[in-house]
């Protein structure tokens, strides 16, 4: 097991050396890295130049901080085909960036979709998503880089079952899953979390490439942030599975706070004992 964090939770840096050194000193062995969110002066994917990529690779290797996931959150289910395909192009560019960096996986979510969407609306969004992922998978296979697709309860890809359908229908060995337990539950489904998580592990356990770890409670019918193990997420169920099935999994803390990230690291290590 390696414990990591989203690099941009520590803010944007103009000095990548300072950034990598700070993350390592904080106790993180790996990161999810989104240059457009983590580097001062880069506001968009088009700002990721070969020079920037070379500096990222050099600096993070020197400081022994593994870039586990290249963050590239696009909108692969948009109804406007031109906008959707522009997003797919961005993701394909990031697959090439990941190959250069030696990063194994590029991660994305799948576009917000109302939980009140009709079955027809949901199926239409799924069809657009599948078309996008088929295009992305062709590029991933050429670059020998994995796609990490993250199901989110409020998005097009919203359940373990629909995620399994997508992986089966795309049929690429480069398609994997990023599992974020908090993102798979809604305020009104939190009591069903054990069923949802068990279904995720049973249907897709062999396809889970990395996990996002955060915690939550329900306040005023909304998910509210908490430190790891101070919320209501049943991480014992998940960590018991990890210890048995994927003990080398990379665990990436999301929404790390500067005054408590060290407590989160300790809680995650305790869960793994």
Protein backbone atom coordinates (compact mmCIF):
# COMPACT_ATOMS: atom_id res chain seq x y z
CA UNK A 1 0.00 0.00 0.00
CA UNK A 2 1.12 3.52 -0.78
CA UNK A 3 -0.69 6.56 0.58
CA UNK A 4 -1.00 9.58 -1.65
CA UNK A 5 -2.92 12.79 -2.16
CA UNK A 6 -4.17 15.07 -4.90
CA UNK A 7 -1.24 17.42 -5.37
CA UNK A 8 -3.45 20.48 -5.82
CA UNK A 9 -4.95 19.99 -2.35
CA UNK A 10 -1.64 21.51 -1.21
CA UNK A 11 -2.21 24.45 -3.54
CA UNK A 12 -0.63 25.66 -6.75
CA UNK A 13 3.15 25.98 -6.90
CA UNK A 14 5.42 27.96 -9.19
CA UNK A 15 8.38 25.83 -8.07
CA UNK A 16 7.82 22.16 -8.83
CA UNK A 17 10.84 21.28 -6.69
CA UNK A 18 9.20 22.95 -3.68
CA UNK A 19 5.93 21.20 -4.49
CA UNK A 20 7.43 17.71 -4.69
CA UNK A 21 9.57 18.27 -1.59
CA UNK A 22 6.54 19.50 0.38
CA UNK A 23 4.42 16.49 -0.59
CA UNK A 24 7.21 14.07 0.32
CA UNK A 25 7.91 15.78 3.65
CA UNK A 26 4.18 15.63 4.46
CA UNK A 27 4.38 11.83 4.28
CA UNK A 28 2.83 11.11 0.89
CA UNK A 29 4.51 8.56 -1.36
CA UNK A 30 2.37 9.20 -4.43
CA UNK A 31 0.03 11.75 -5.96
CA UNK A 32 -2.77 12.32 -8.37
CA UNK A 33 -1.36 15.13 -10.46
CA UNK A 34 -3.41 17.58 -12.51
CA UNK A 35 -0.97 20.15 -13.93
CA UNK A 36 -3.74 22.62 -14.79
CA UNK A 37 -4.72 22.68 -11.10
CA UNK A 38 -1.30 22.25 -9.47
CA UNK A 39 1.06 24.61 -11.30
CA UNK A 40 0.99 28.41 -11.19
CA UNK A 41 0.50 29.81 -14.67
CA UNK A 42 -1.09 26.72 -16.22
CA UNK A 43 -4.81 27.31 -16.40
CA UNK A 44 -5.76 24.85 -19.13
CA UNK A 45 -4.65 21.55 -20.61
CA UNK A 46 -3.18 23.38 -23.62
CA UNK A 47 -0.60 24.92 -21.29
CA UNK A 48 1.00 21.54 -20.63
CA UNK A 49 4.05 21.81 -22.89
CA UNK A 50 6.88 19.30 -23.46
CA UNK A 51 9.07 21.52 -21.28
CA UNK A 52 6.57 21.37 -18.41
CA UNK A 53 6.27 17.60 -18.74
CA UNK A 54 10.05 17.19 -18.66
CA UNK A 55 10.30 19.29 -15.50
CA UNK A 56 7.49 17.34 -13.80
CA UNK A 57 9.15 14.02 -14.62
CA UNK A 58 12.58 15.15 -13.49
CA UNK A 59 11.51 16.79 -10.25
CA UNK A 60 9.09 14.14 -9.00
CA UNK A 61 11.53 11.35 -9.81
CA UNK A 62 14.28 13.17 -7.91
CA UNK A 63 12.07 13.53 -4.82
CA UNK A 64 10.81 9.93 -5.03
CA UNK A 65 7.15 10.91 -5.32
CA UNK A 66 5.24 8.57 -7.61
CA UNK A 67 2.68 10.14 -9.93
CA UNK A 68 0.05 7.43 -9.76
CA UNK A 69 -2.73 9.14 -11.71
CA UNK A 70 -2.62 11.99 -14.20
CA UNK A 71 -5.79 13.92 -13.49
CA UNK A 72 -7.71 14.86 -16.64
CA UNK A 73 -11.32 15.47 -15.71
CA UNK A 74 -13.24 15.91 -18.94
CA UNK A 75 -16.90 15.82 -19.95
CA UNK A 76 -17.26 12.64 -22.05
CA UNK A 77 -21.08 12.54 -22.04
CA UNK A 78 -21.99 16.03 -23.24
CA UNK A 79 -25.01 16.30 -25.55
CA UNK A 80 -23.14 18.68 -27.87
CA UNK A 81 -21.04 16.32 -30.00
CA UNK A 82 -18.41 18.91 -30.92
CA UNK A 83 -17.83 19.87 -27.29
CA UNK A 84 -17.77 16.20 -26.30
CA UNK A 85 -15.22 15.28 -28.93
CA UNK A 86 -13.08 18.29 -27.98
CA UNK A 87 -13.03 16.85 -24.46
CA UNK A 88 -12.09 13.43 -25.83
CA UNK A 89 -9.19 15.02 -27.72
CA UNK A 90 -7.92 16.58 -24.51
CA UNK A 91 -8.03 13.19 -22.81
CA UNK A 92 -6.15 11.59 -25.69
CA UNK A 93 -3.44 14.26 -25.40
CA UNK A 94 -3.15 13.44 -21.71
CA UNK A 95 -2.70 9.75 -22.50
CA UNK A 96 0.36 10.78 -24.51
CA UNK A 97 1.54 12.99 -21.63
CA UNK A 98 1.19 10.06 -19.25
CA UNK A 99 3.25 7.83 -21.50
CA UNK A 100 6.07 10.40 -21.51
CA UNK A 101 5.88 10.80 -17.73
CA UNK A 102 5.74 7.06 -17.07
CA UNK A 103 2.39 7.51 -15.31
CA UNK A 104 0.30 4.33 -15.58
CA UNK A 105 -3.20 5.81 -15.63
CA UNK A 106 -5.15 8.90 -16.69
CA UNK A 107 -8.30 9.51 -14.67
CA UNK A 108 -11.66 11.14 -15.36
CA UNK A 109 -15.26 11.24 -14.21
CA UNK A 110 -18.18 11.04 -16.65
CA UNK A 111 -20.27 14.26 -16.73
CA UNK A 112 -22.98 15.24 -14.29
CA UNK A 113 -26.48 13.89 -14.84
CA UNK A 114 -29.50 14.60 -12.67
CA UNK A 115 -30.53 11.80 -10.36
CA UNK A 116 -34.04 12.53 -11.67
CA UNK A 117 -33.06 11.86 -15.31
CA UNK A 118 -35.50 9.57 -17.11
CA UNK A 119 -34.36 6.12 -18.24
CA UNK A 120 -34.32 7.43 -21.83
CA UNK A 121 -32.16 10.42 -20.88
CA UNK A 122 -29.81 8.20 -18.93
CA UNK A 123 -29.49 5.70 -21.80
CA UNK A 124 -28.78 8.52 -24.25
CA UNK A 125 -26.03 9.88 -21.99
CA UNK A 126 -24.59 6.38 -21.63
CA UNK A 127 -24.50 5.96 -25.42
CA UNK A 128 -22.50 9.19 -25.75
CA UNK A 129 -20.18 8.08 -22.96
CA UNK A 130 -19.56 4.73 -24.60
CA UNK A 131 -18.70 6.40 -27.90
CA UNK A 132 -16.21 8.66 -26.11
CA UNK A 133 -14.59 5.82 -24.18
CA UNK A 134 -14.25 3.66 -27.30
CA UNK A 135 -12.27 6.49 -28.91
CA UNK A 136 -10.19 7.00 -25.77
CA UNK A 137 -9.52 3.27 -25.46
CA UNK A 138 -8.10 3.08 -28.98
CA UNK A 139 -5.57 5.77 -28.06
CA UNK A 140 -4.86 4.15 -24.68
CA UNK A 141 -4.04 0.88 -26.38
CA UNK A 142 -1.67 2.66 -28.79
CA UNK A 143 0.09 4.46 -25.92
CA UNK A 144 -0.04 1.49 -23.52
CA UNK A 145 -1.57 3.67 -20.80
CA UNK A 146 -4.64 2.88 -18.68
CA UNK A 147 -7.88 4.84 -18.57
CA UNK A 148 -9.21 5.24 -15.04
CA UNK A 149 -12.94 5.95 -15.13
CA UNK A 150 -14.66 6.96 -11.90
CA UNK A 151 -18.34 6.25 -11.24
CA UNK A 152 -20.17 9.01 -9.36
CA UNK A 153 -23.75 8.76 -8.16
CA UNK A 154 -24.68 12.13 -9.70
CA UNK A 155 -23.04 11.38 -13.07
CA UNK A 156 -23.68 9.37 -16.23
CA UNK A 157 -21.73 6.43 -14.82
CA UNK A 158 -23.55 6.24 -11.50
CA UNK A 159 -23.61 2.63 -10.27
CA UNK A 160 -21.36 -0.44 -10.17
CA UNK A 161 -23.72 -2.23 -12.57
CA UNK A 162 -23.59 0.44 -15.28
CA UNK A 163 -19.83 0.66 -14.82
CA UNK A 164 -19.55 -3.09 -15.39
CA UNK A 165 -21.72 -2.73 -18.50
CA UNK A 166 -19.40 -0.05 -19.89
CA UNK A 167 -16.25 -2.10 -19.30
CA UNK A 168 -17.84 -5.17 -20.86
CA UNK A 169 -19.13 -3.33 -23.92
CA UNK A 170 -15.93 -1.37 -24.56
CA UNK A 171 -13.92 -4.54 -24.11
CA UNK A 172 -10.49 -2.92 -23.76
CA UNK A 173 -7.85 -4.23 -21.38
CA UNK A 174 -6.75 -0.61 -20.92
CA UNK A 175 -9.99 0.41 -19.21
CA UNK A 176 -9.92 0.43 -15.42
CA UNK A 177 -11.91 1.87 -12.53
CA UNK A 178 -11.14 4.51 -9.91
CA UNK A 179 -13.18 3.70 -6.81
CA UNK A 180 -14.29 6.57 -4.59
CA UNK A 181 -16.75 5.24 -1.98
CA UNK A 182 -18.12 8.66 -1.02
CA UNK A 183 -18.87 9.49 -4.64
CA UNK A 184 -20.96 6.34 -5.07
CA UNK A 185 -23.50 7.23 -2.39
CA UNK A 186 -26.14 9.93 -2.10
CA UNK A 187 -27.61 11.35 1.11
CA UNK A 188 -30.67 9.13 0.67
CA UNK A 189 -28.64 6.00 -0.21
CA UNK A 190 -26.01 6.24 2.53
CA UNK A 191 -27.79 3.49 4.47
CA UNK A 192 -27.27 1.21 1.47
CA UNK A 193 -23.53 1.77 1.37
CA UNK A 194 -22.55 -1.79 2.35
CA UNK A 195 -24.58 -3.19 -0.54
CA UNK A 196 -23.22 -0.61 -3.00
CA UNK A 197 -19.60 -1.15 -1.96
CA UNK A 198 -19.92 -4.94 -1.94
CA UNK A 199 -21.44 -4.84 -5.41
CA UNK A 200 -18.56 -2.64 -6.58
CA UNK A 201 -15.95 -5.02 -5.19
CA UNK A 202 -17.67 -8.15 -6.48
CA UNK A 203 -18.42 -6.85 -9.98
CA UNK A 204 -15.29 -4.79 -10.57
CA UNK A 205 -12.71 -5.70 -7.96
CA UNK A 206 -10.22 -6.96 -10.52
CA UNK A 207 -10.59 -3.72 -12.50
CA UNK A 208 -10.06 -1.27 -9.63
CA UNK A 209 -6.73 0.45 -10.29
CA UNK A 210 -6.68 3.06 -7.54
CA UNK A 211 -8.88 4.35 -4.72
CA UNK A 212 -9.85 7.83 -3.63
CA UNK A 213 -10.25 8.07 0.13
CA UNK A 214 -12.33 10.69 1.90
CA UNK A 215 -15.07 10.63 4.53
CA UNK A 216 -18.42 12.25 5.06
CA UNK A 217 -21.50 12.67 7.20
CA UNK A 218 -24.98 13.71 6.12
CA UNK A 219 -26.03 17.16 7.32
CA UNK A 220 -29.18 18.91 6.06
CA UNK A 221 -29.50 16.27 3.37
CA UNK A 222 -26.01 17.05 2.05
CA UNK A 223 -22.68 15.24 2.27
CA UNK A 224 -20.32 17.14 4.56
CA UNK A 225 -16.52 16.72 4.80
CA UNK A 226 -14.91 14.80 7.65
CA UNK A 227 -11.48 13.46 8.50
CA UNK A 228 -10.85 9.83 7.59
CA UNK A 229 -12.62 7.50 10.08
CA UNK A 230 -14.64 10.37 11.57
CA UNK A 231 -17.47 10.06 9.04
CA UNK A 232 -19.98 7.34 8.31
CA UNK A 233 -18.27 5.51 5.44
CA UNK A 234 -17.69 1.82 6.25
CA UNK A 235 -13.99 1.72 5.47
CA UNK A 236 -13.54 -1.48 7.48
CA UNK A 237 -15.48 -3.35 4.79
CA UNK A 238 -13.30 -1.83 2.06
CA UNK A 239 -9.94 -2.16 3.82
CA UNK A 240 -10.66 -5.77 4.77
CA UNK A 241 -11.16 -6.43 1.05
CA UNK A 242 -8.00 -4.51 0.15
CA UNK A 243 -5.86 -6.44 2.62
CA UNK A 244 -7.11 -9.71 1.20
CA UNK A 245 -7.16 -8.85 -2.51
CA UNK A 246 -5.08 -5.79 -3.36
CA UNK A 247 -2.61 -4.99 -0.58
CA UNK A 248 -0.42 -2.85 -2.87
CA UNK A 249 -3.26 -0.55 -3.92
CA UNK A 250 -2.49 3.17 -4.13
CA UNK A 251 -4.81 5.10 -1.81
CA UNK A 252 -5.21 8.77 -2.69
CA UNK A 253 -6.58 11.15 -0.06
CA UNK A 254 -9.00 13.62 -1.60
CA UNK A 255 -9.81 17.00 -0.08
CA UNK A 256 -6.81 16.91 2.25
CA UNK A 257 -6.70 19.81 4.71
CA UNK A 258 -3.44 21.35 5.90
CA UNK A 259 -4.36 21.10 9.57
CA UNK A 260 -5.36 17.42 9.50
CA UNK A 261 -3.74 15.50 6.64
CA UNK A 262 -1.29 13.85 9.07
CA UNK A 263 -4.26 12.47 11.04
CA UNK A 264 -5.71 11.10 7.80
CA UNK A 265 -2.45 9.30 7.01
CA UNK A 266 -2.44 7.75 10.48
CA UNK A 267 -6.09 6.67 10.15
CA UNK A 268 -5.47 5.02 6.78
CA UNK A 269 -2.46 3.14 8.12
CA UNK A 270 -4.48 2.01 11.13
CA UNK A 271 -7.27 0.73 8.88
CA UNK A 272 -4.72 -1.35 7.00
CA UNK A 273 -3.37 -3.14 10.09
